Structures are given as C-alpha cells and as structure tokens.
Amino acid sequence: MATYTVTHKYLIDNYAVLQLLTPSEIAVGQSITVAGVDATFNGTYSVYALPQYEYIGIDTEGDLLYDFQVPIANQVLFAKVADDVDRVAASGTVTTRQFARG
C-alpha cells in the first residue's frame, strides 16, 4: 500500500483533481482511496488521468481541456459528480493498493 499527501484540490465539470506533495506511482485505471480531504472528495475512485497541466474543464465533445501555460505536477484526476470547487489548498491522503506480482 502506498499513501500520498494531498496539497490542493479542485473540481470542474464533474472531474475532481487532487495535487499530491510528491510524485507517485499511480497509474490511469488504478483504484485510489481519498481520505481526510472533505465530504465531496473522500471516497474510492478509478484514476481517469494524470494531468501535468491545470485542468480547465471539458469541451462539447467531452474531451478534457488543460491550460498548457500552467504546469502543475503530481496531479490525479477522477470522475466525481458534484458542484465545481475552485483550486484551493487542501490536506488529506490518497492511498493505493500495490499487489505483488508473481
């Protein structure tokens, strides 16, 4: 199991983004558990993207949009139906299970 510290949170167009304090080995499609952030963000989710730029919403086709002028490292994006949340500092953790291969 690996646990990462959350530093920021935001939610736009039903996609939530958490910024982590350190680089992670989280992969797209991996299950994560968010705890200690708040009632909107806490829960278990499947990672949809690992953006390296600020997520700014979706276009009319449903594709994710980014501001390529604003790099943000160590982000994890997942689907979350909820009201939008501006990008703000946050605390909490993201935990993943790591299984032995053999």
N, C-alpha and C. Protein backbone atom coordinates (compact mmCIF):
# COMPACT_ATOMS: atom_id res chain seq x y z
N MET A 1 0.85 -1.17 0.00
CA MET A 1 0.00 0.00 0.00
C MET A 1 0.90 1.24 0.00
N ALA A 2 0.51 2.24 -0.80
CA ALA A 2 1.25 3.50 -0.85
C ALA A 2 0.29 4.63 -0.50
N THR A 3 0.75 5.56 0.32
CA THR A 3 -0.07 6.70 0.73
C THR A 3 0.66 7.99 0.37
N TYR A 4 -0.10 8.92 -0.22
CA TYR A 4 0.44 10.20 -0.68
C TYR A 4 -0.33 11.34 -0.01
N THR A 5 0.36 12.42 0.29
CA THR A 5 -0.24 13.59 0.92
C THR A 5 -0.84 14.52 -0.13
N VAL A 6 -2.07 14.97 0.10
CA VAL A 6 -2.76 15.90 -0.78
C VAL A 6 -2.38 17.33 -0.40
N THR A 7 -2.09 18.18 -1.41
CA THR A 7 -1.77 19.58 -1.15
C THR A 7 -2.82 20.55 -1.68
N HIS A 8 -3.52 20.16 -2.77
CA HIS A 8 -4.54 21.03 -3.37
C HIS A 8 -5.67 20.18 -3.93
N LYS A 9 -6.83 20.82 -4.10
CA LYS A 9 -7.99 20.15 -4.67
C LYS A 9 -8.74 21.12 -5.56
N TYR A 10 -9.41 20.58 -6.59
CA TYR A 10 -10.38 21.35 -7.36
C TYR A 10 -11.27 20.39 -8.13
N LEU A 11 -12.42 20.90 -8.56
CA LEU A 11 -13.40 20.08 -9.25
C LEU A 11 -14.10 20.95 -10.30
N ILE A 12 -14.06 20.50 -11.56
CA ILE A 12 -14.68 21.23 -12.66
C ILE A 12 -15.39 20.23 -13.58
N ASP A 13 -16.62 20.54 -13.95
CA ASP A 13 -17.37 19.73 -14.91
C ASP A 13 -17.38 18.24 -14.55
N ASN A 14 -17.58 17.97 -13.27
CA ASN A 14 -17.70 16.60 -12.76
C ASN A 14 -16.43 15.76 -12.85
N TYR A 15 -15.29 16.44 -12.86
CA TYR A 15 -13.99 15.77 -12.72
C TYR A 15 -13.24 16.45 -11.58
N ALA A 16 -12.78 15.65 -10.64
CA ALA A 16 -12.03 16.15 -9.49
C ALA A 16 -10.54 15.97 -9.74
N VAL A 17 -9.76 16.91 -9.22
CA VAL A 17 -8.30 16.85 -9.34
C VAL A 17 -7.70 17.07 -7.97
N LEU A 18 -6.78 16.20 -7.60
CA LEU A 18 -6.01 16.37 -6.38
C LEU A 18 -4.54 16.50 -6.76
N GLN A 19 -3.86 17.46 -6.16
CA GLN A 19 -2.42 17.57 -6.34
C GLN A 19 -1.75 16.92 -5.14
N LEU A 20 -0.74 16.11 -5.41
CA LEU A 20 -0.02 15.40 -4.36
C LEU A 20 1.29 16.11 -4.06
N LEU A 21 1.77 15.95 -2.84
CA LEU A 21 3.01 16.57 -2.41
C LEU A 21 4.22 16.02 -3.15
N THR A 22 4.19 14.74 -3.46
CA THR A 22 5.33 14.08 -4.09
C THR A 22 4.89 13.32 -5.34
N PRO A 23 5.82 13.01 -6.22
CA PRO A 23 5.47 12.16 -7.36
C PRO A 23 4.96 10.81 -6.86
N SER A 24 4.08 10.22 -7.67
CA SER A 24 3.50 8.93 -7.26
C SER A 24 3.72 7.90 -8.35
N GLU A 25 3.42 6.67 -8.01
CA GLU A 25 3.44 5.59 -9.00
C GLU A 25 2.01 5.18 -9.36
N ILE A 26 1.08 6.10 -9.16
CA ILE A 26 -0.33 5.86 -9.51
C ILE A 26 -0.44 5.80 -11.03
N ALA A 27 -1.29 4.90 -11.52
CA ALA A 27 -1.49 4.73 -12.97
C ALA A 27 -2.95 4.97 -13.34
N VAL A 28 -3.18 5.38 -14.56
CA VAL A 28 -4.54 5.52 -15.07
C VAL A 28 -5.24 4.17 -14.96
N GLY A 29 -6.47 4.20 -14.47
CA GLY A 29 -7.25 2.98 -14.27
C GLY A 29 -7.11 2.37 -12.89
N GLN A 30 -6.12 2.82 -12.14
CA GLN A 30 -5.88 2.28 -10.80
C GLN A 30 -6.92 2.83 -9.83
N SER A 31 -7.28 2.03 -8.85
CA SER A 31 -8.20 2.44 -7.81
C SER A 31 -7.45 3.20 -6.73
N ILE A 32 -8.02 4.34 -6.30
CA ILE A 32 -7.44 5.12 -5.21
C ILE A 32 -8.50 5.36 -4.15
N THR A 33 -8.05 5.53 -2.92
CA THR A 33 -8.94 5.91 -1.83
C THR A 33 -8.49 7.26 -1.30
N VAL A 34 -9.43 8.22 -1.32
CA VAL A 34 -9.17 9.57 -0.84
C VAL A 34 -9.77 9.69 0.55
N ALA A 35 -8.98 10.18 1.51
CA ALA A 35 -9.44 10.32 2.89
C ALA A 35 -8.94 11.64 3.48
N GLY A 36 -9.75 12.22 4.35
CA GLY A 36 -9.32 13.40 5.08
C GLY A 36 -9.33 14.69 4.28
N VAL A 37 -9.87 14.68 3.06
CA VAL A 37 -9.93 15.90 2.25
C VAL A 37 -11.21 16.66 2.61
N ASP A 38 -12.35 16.12 2.25
CA ASP A 38 -13.66 16.61 2.70
C ASP A 38 -14.74 15.68 2.15
N ALA A 39 -15.99 15.93 2.51
CA ALA A 39 -17.07 15.03 2.14
C ALA A 39 -17.24 14.92 0.62
N THR A 40 -16.93 15.98 -0.11
CA THR A 40 -17.06 15.94 -1.56
C THR A 40 -16.02 15.02 -2.19
N PHE A 41 -14.80 15.08 -1.73
CA PHE A 41 -13.69 14.37 -2.37
C PHE A 41 -13.42 12.98 -1.79
N ASN A 42 -13.73 12.76 -0.52
CA ASN A 42 -13.43 11.47 0.10
C ASN A 42 -14.19 10.34 -0.58
N GLY A 43 -13.52 9.19 -0.72
CA GLY A 43 -14.16 8.02 -1.32
C GLY A 43 -13.16 7.21 -2.11
N THR A 44 -13.65 6.22 -2.82
CA THR A 44 -12.80 5.35 -3.65
C THR A 44 -13.15 5.59 -5.11
N TYR A 45 -12.13 5.79 -5.93
CA TYR A 45 -12.31 6.17 -7.33
C TYR A 45 -11.34 5.44 -8.23
N SER A 46 -11.63 5.46 -9.53
CA SER A 46 -10.72 4.96 -10.54
C SER A 46 -10.06 6.17 -11.20
N VAL A 47 -8.74 6.15 -11.30
CA VAL A 47 -8.00 7.26 -11.88
C VAL A 47 -8.29 7.35 -13.37
N TYR A 48 -8.69 8.54 -13.82
CA TYR A 48 -9.03 8.76 -15.23
C TYR A 48 -7.88 9.40 -16.00
N ALA A 49 -7.08 10.24 -15.33
CA ALA A 49 -5.95 10.90 -15.98
C ALA A 49 -4.95 11.36 -14.94
N LEU A 50 -3.74 11.61 -15.39
CA LEU A 50 -2.67 12.13 -14.53
C LEU A 50 -2.10 13.39 -15.19
N PRO A 51 -2.90 14.47 -15.18
CA PRO A 51 -2.51 15.67 -15.92
C PRO A 51 -1.27 16.36 -15.36
N GLN A 52 -0.52 16.96 -16.26
CA GLN A 52 0.68 17.73 -15.87
C GLN A 52 0.43 19.23 -15.99
N TYR A 53 -0.81 19.60 -16.37
CA TYR A 53 -1.19 21.00 -16.51
C TYR A 53 -2.52 21.22 -15.81
N GLU A 54 -2.87 22.49 -15.59
CA GLU A 54 -4.13 22.80 -14.93
C GLU A 54 -5.31 22.35 -15.78
N TYR A 55 -6.16 21.54 -15.21
CA TYR A 55 -7.39 21.09 -15.85
C TYR A 55 -8.39 22.25 -15.81
N ILE A 56 -9.02 22.57 -16.97
CA ILE A 56 -9.93 23.72 -17.02
C ILE A 56 -11.35 23.34 -17.45
N GLY A 57 -11.64 22.06 -17.64
CA GLY A 57 -12.99 21.65 -17.98
C GLY A 57 -13.02 20.68 -19.14
N ILE A 58 -14.22 20.53 -19.71
CA ILE A 58 -14.40 19.65 -20.87
C ILE A 58 -14.97 20.45 -22.03
N ASP A 59 -14.69 19.97 -23.25
CA ASP A 59 -15.24 20.65 -24.43
C ASP A 59 -16.59 20.02 -24.79
N THR A 60 -17.17 20.46 -25.90
CA THR A 60 -18.50 19.98 -26.30
C THR A 60 -18.51 18.51 -26.67
N GLU A 61 -17.34 17.95 -26.95
CA GLU A 61 -17.21 16.52 -27.27
C GLU A 61 -16.95 15.68 -26.02
N GLY A 62 -16.75 16.34 -24.88
CA GLY A 62 -16.47 15.63 -23.64
C GLY A 62 -15.00 15.38 -23.38
N ASP A 63 -14.13 15.97 -24.21
CA ASP A 63 -12.69 15.81 -24.01
C ASP A 63 -12.19 16.75 -22.92
N LEU A 64 -11.20 16.30 -22.17
CA LEU A 64 -10.62 17.12 -21.12
C LEU A 64 -9.80 18.26 -21.73
N LEU A 65 -9.91 19.44 -21.11
CA LEU A 65 -9.17 20.61 -21.56
C LEU A 65 -8.18 21.03 -20.48
N TYR A 66 -7.02 21.50 -20.92
CA TYR A 66 -5.97 21.93 -20.00
C TYR A 66 -5.44 23.29 -20.41
N ASP A 67 -4.94 24.06 -19.43
CA ASP A 67 -4.23 25.30 -19.70
C ASP A 67 -2.74 24.96 -19.73
N PHE A 68 -2.19 24.87 -20.93
CA PHE A 68 -0.80 24.45 -21.10
C PHE A 68 0.20 25.52 -20.66
N GLN A 69 -0.30 26.68 -20.25
CA GLN A 69 0.55 27.73 -19.70
C GLN A 69 0.74 27.58 -18.19
N VAL A 70 -0.01 26.63 -17.59
CA VAL A 70 0.02 26.46 -16.12
C VAL A 70 0.38 25.01 -15.79
N PRO A 71 1.68 24.70 -15.73
CA PRO A 71 2.06 23.34 -15.34
C PRO A 71 1.82 23.11 -13.84
N ILE A 72 1.28 21.95 -13.53
CA ILE A 72 1.07 21.54 -12.13
C ILE A 72 1.46 20.07 -12.03
N ALA A 73 2.48 19.80 -11.29
CA ALA A 73 2.98 18.43 -11.16
C ALA A 73 2.14 17.61 -10.18
N ASN A 74 2.26 16.30 -10.30
CA ASN A 74 1.74 15.36 -9.31
C ASN A 74 0.22 15.41 -9.13
N GLN A 75 -0.52 15.51 -10.23
CA GLN A 75 -1.97 15.57 -10.14
C GLN A 75 -2.61 14.21 -10.45
N VAL A 76 -3.76 13.99 -9.83
CA VAL A 76 -4.58 12.80 -10.07
C VAL A 76 -5.99 13.29 -10.36
N LEU A 77 -6.56 12.85 -11.50
CA LEU A 77 -7.89 13.28 -11.91
C LEU A 77 -8.82 12.08 -11.94
N PHE A 78 -10.04 12.26 -11.43
CA PHE A 78 -11.03 11.18 -11.42
C PHE A 78 -12.43 11.77 -11.57
N ALA A 79 -13.36 10.98 -12.07
CA ALA A 79 -14.74 11.42 -12.23
C ALA A 79 -15.41 11.58 -10.87
N LYS A 80 -16.13 12.69 -10.71
CA LYS A 80 -16.85 12.96 -9.47
C LYS A 80 -18.00 13.91 -9.77
N VAL A 81 -19.23 13.43 -9.65
CA VAL A 81 -20.39 14.28 -9.90
C VAL A 81 -20.65 15.12 -8.65
N ALA A 82 -20.39 16.42 -8.78
CA ALA A 82 -20.57 17.35 -7.67
C ALA A 82 -20.44 18.77 -8.21
N ASP A 83 -20.80 19.74 -7.39
CA ASP A 83 -20.63 21.14 -7.77
C ASP A 83 -19.14 21.47 -7.92
N ASP A 84 -18.85 22.43 -8.80
CA ASP A 84 -17.46 22.84 -9.01
C ASP A 84 -16.85 23.38 -7.72
N VAL A 85 -15.56 23.16 -7.58
CA VAL A 85 -14.78 23.65 -6.44
C VAL A 85 -13.55 24.33 -7.01
N ASP A 86 -13.32 25.60 -6.63
CA ASP A 86 -12.12 26.31 -7.07
C ASP A 86 -10.88 25.62 -6.52
N ARG A 87 -9.75 25.80 -7.22
CA ARG A 87 -8.48 25.22 -6.75
C ARG A 87 -8.05 25.93 -5.47
N VAL A 88 -7.91 25.15 -4.41
CA VAL A 88 -7.51 25.67 -3.10
C VAL A 88 -6.57 24.67 -2.43
N ALA A 89 -5.84 25.15 -1.45
CA ALA A 89 -5.00 24.26 -0.64
C ALA A 89 -5.89 23.26 0.08
N ALA A 90 -5.36 22.07 0.28
CA ALA A 90 -6.12 21.02 0.95
C ALA A 90 -5.17 20.13 1.73
N SER A 91 -5.76 19.29 2.55
CA SER A 91 -4.99 18.27 3.26
C SER A 91 -5.73 16.95 3.06
N GLY A 92 -5.12 15.89 3.50
CA GLY A 92 -5.70 14.57 3.36
C GLY A 92 -4.72 13.64 2.68
N THR A 93 -5.21 12.46 2.29
CA THR A 93 -4.34 11.46 1.68
C THR A 93 -5.01 10.77 0.51
N VAL A 94 -4.17 10.24 -0.37
CA VAL A 94 -4.59 9.33 -1.43
C VAL A 94 -3.83 8.04 -1.20
N THR A 95 -4.55 6.94 -1.12
CA THR A 95 -3.93 5.64 -0.86
C THR A 95 -4.23 4.69 -2.01
N THR A 96 -3.22 3.92 -2.38
CA THR A 96 -3.37 2.89 -3.41
C THR A 96 -2.93 1.56 -2.84
N ARG A 97 -3.49 0.52 -3.38
CA ARG A 97 -3.03 -0.83 -3.02
C ARG A 97 -2.04 -1.27 -4.08
N GLN A 98 -0.96 -1.85 -3.64
CA GLN A 98 0.03 -2.37 -4.58
C GLN A 98 0.14 -3.86 -4.33
N PHE A 99 -0.11 -4.62 -5.39
CA PHE A 99 -0.12 -6.06 -5.27
C PHE A 99 1.18 -6.64 -5.77
N ALA A 100 1.63 -7.67 -5.11
CA ALA A 100 2.85 -8.36 -5.55
C ALA A 100 2.56 -9.12 -6.82
N ARG A 101 3.48 -9.06 -7.74
CA ARG A 101 3.34 -9.81 -8.98
C ARG A 101 4.18 -11.07 -8.88
N GLY A 102 3.68 -12.10 -9.44
CA GLY A 102 4.48 -13.30 -9.33
C GLY A 102 4.01 -14.34 -10.15
